[in-house]
């Protein structure tokens, strides 16, 4: 699976996890940036950082952002766990 396909798959999982909480994800045009709109009115930018390690980053960093990263990590780890079981 190419990096682009993997990012698309991960975004789908992240979007699903956020929707379950009542939040939504919006892709910005011509940028590798997504905006997370929380149900409390706060927004964060989500970017994929391919170098040096493939990871997701949230801006601006604050306490809510660390909670949100936990939600994203759980969504991605659940997907990794289920694919390892196959």
Protein backbone atom coordinates (compact mmCIF):
# COMPACT_ATOMS: atom_id res chain seq x y z
CA UNK A 1 0.00 0.00 0.00
CA UNK A 2 1.41 3.40 -0.97
CA UNK A 3 1.79 6.21 1.54
CA UNK A 4 -1.06 8.14 -0.12
CA UNK A 5 -3.39 5.16 0.15
CA UNK A 6 -2.43 4.64 3.79
CA UNK A 7 -3.07 8.31 4.62
CA UNK A 8 -6.47 8.13 2.89
CA UNK A 9 -7.36 5.01 4.87
CA UNK A 10 -6.23 6.61 8.15
CA UNK A 11 -8.24 9.77 7.42
CA UNK A 12 -11.30 7.61 6.89
CA UNK A 13 -10.78 5.98 10.30
CA UNK A 14 -10.15 9.33 11.97
CA UNK A 15 -13.26 10.84 10.35
CA UNK A 16 -15.35 7.91 11.61
CA UNK A 17 -13.99 8.16 15.18
CA UNK A 18 -14.64 11.91 15.26
CA UNK A 19 -18.17 11.51 13.88
CA UNK A 20 -18.99 9.09 16.71
CA UNK A 21 -18.17 11.92 19.14
CA UNK A 22 -20.19 14.51 17.24
CA UNK A 23 -17.15 16.21 15.71
CA UNK A 24 -16.35 16.62 12.02
CA UNK A 25 -13.33 16.68 9.74
CA UNK A 26 -12.91 19.01 6.75
CA UNK A 27 -10.16 18.80 4.10
CA UNK A 28 -8.59 22.10 3.08
CA UNK A 29 -8.23 22.53 -0.70
CA UNK A 30 -4.79 22.01 -2.25
CA UNK A 31 -3.18 21.34 1.13
CA UNK A 32 -2.38 18.22 3.12
CA UNK A 33 -4.30 19.73 6.02
CA UNK A 34 -7.61 18.78 7.62
CA UNK A 35 -9.56 20.92 10.07
CA UNK A 36 -11.23 19.20 13.00
CA UNK A 37 -14.34 21.03 14.15
CA UNK A 38 -15.19 19.95 17.70
CA UNK A 39 -18.75 20.03 18.97
CA UNK A 40 -17.71 22.65 21.56
CA UNK A 41 -16.85 25.13 18.78
CA UNK A 42 -13.06 24.71 18.92
CA UNK A 43 -11.08 23.90 15.78
CA UNK A 44 -7.72 22.23 15.22
CA UNK A 45 -5.57 21.68 12.15
CA UNK A 46 -4.53 18.08 11.55
CA UNK A 47 -1.49 17.47 9.36
CA UNK A 48 0.38 14.35 8.34
CA UNK A 49 4.12 14.58 9.05
CA UNK A 50 5.91 12.04 6.81
CA UNK A 51 9.47 12.92 7.88
CA UNK A 52 11.30 11.82 10.06
CA UNK A 53 8.55 9.48 11.33
CA UNK A 54 5.13 9.05 9.84
CA UNK A 55 2.82 10.68 12.35
CA UNK A 56 -0.14 13.01 12.72
CA UNK A 57 0.18 16.45 14.33
CA UNK A 58 -2.44 18.82 15.76
CA UNK A 59 -2.18 22.59 15.93
CA UNK A 60 -2.49 24.48 18.23
CA UNK A 61 -1.19 22.18 20.95
CA UNK A 62 -3.15 22.37 24.23
CA UNK A 63 -4.90 20.05 26.72
CA UNK A 64 -7.82 19.42 24.37
CA UNK A 65 -5.38 18.62 21.58
CA UNK A 66 -3.72 15.88 23.65
CA UNK A 67 -7.16 14.36 24.32
CA UNK A 68 -7.95 14.56 20.62
CA UNK A 69 -4.64 12.91 19.68
CA UNK A 70 -5.57 10.08 22.05
CA UNK A 71 -8.84 9.62 20.15
CA UNK A 72 -6.95 9.57 16.84
CA UNK A 73 -4.35 7.11 18.18
CA UNK A 74 -7.07 4.75 19.44
CA UNK A 75 -8.83 4.83 16.05
CA UNK A 76 -5.59 4.04 14.22
CA UNK A 77 -4.46 1.40 16.73
CA UNK A 78 -7.82 -0.38 16.54
CA UNK A 79 -7.37 -0.60 12.78
CA UNK A 80 -3.81 -1.94 13.19
CA UNK A 81 -4.97 -4.51 15.76
CA UNK A 82 -7.77 -5.77 13.52
CA UNK A 83 -5.47 -6.12 10.49
CA UNK A 84 -2.95 -8.08 12.58
CA UNK A 85 -5.66 -10.57 13.56
CA UNK A 86 -6.44 -11.45 9.91
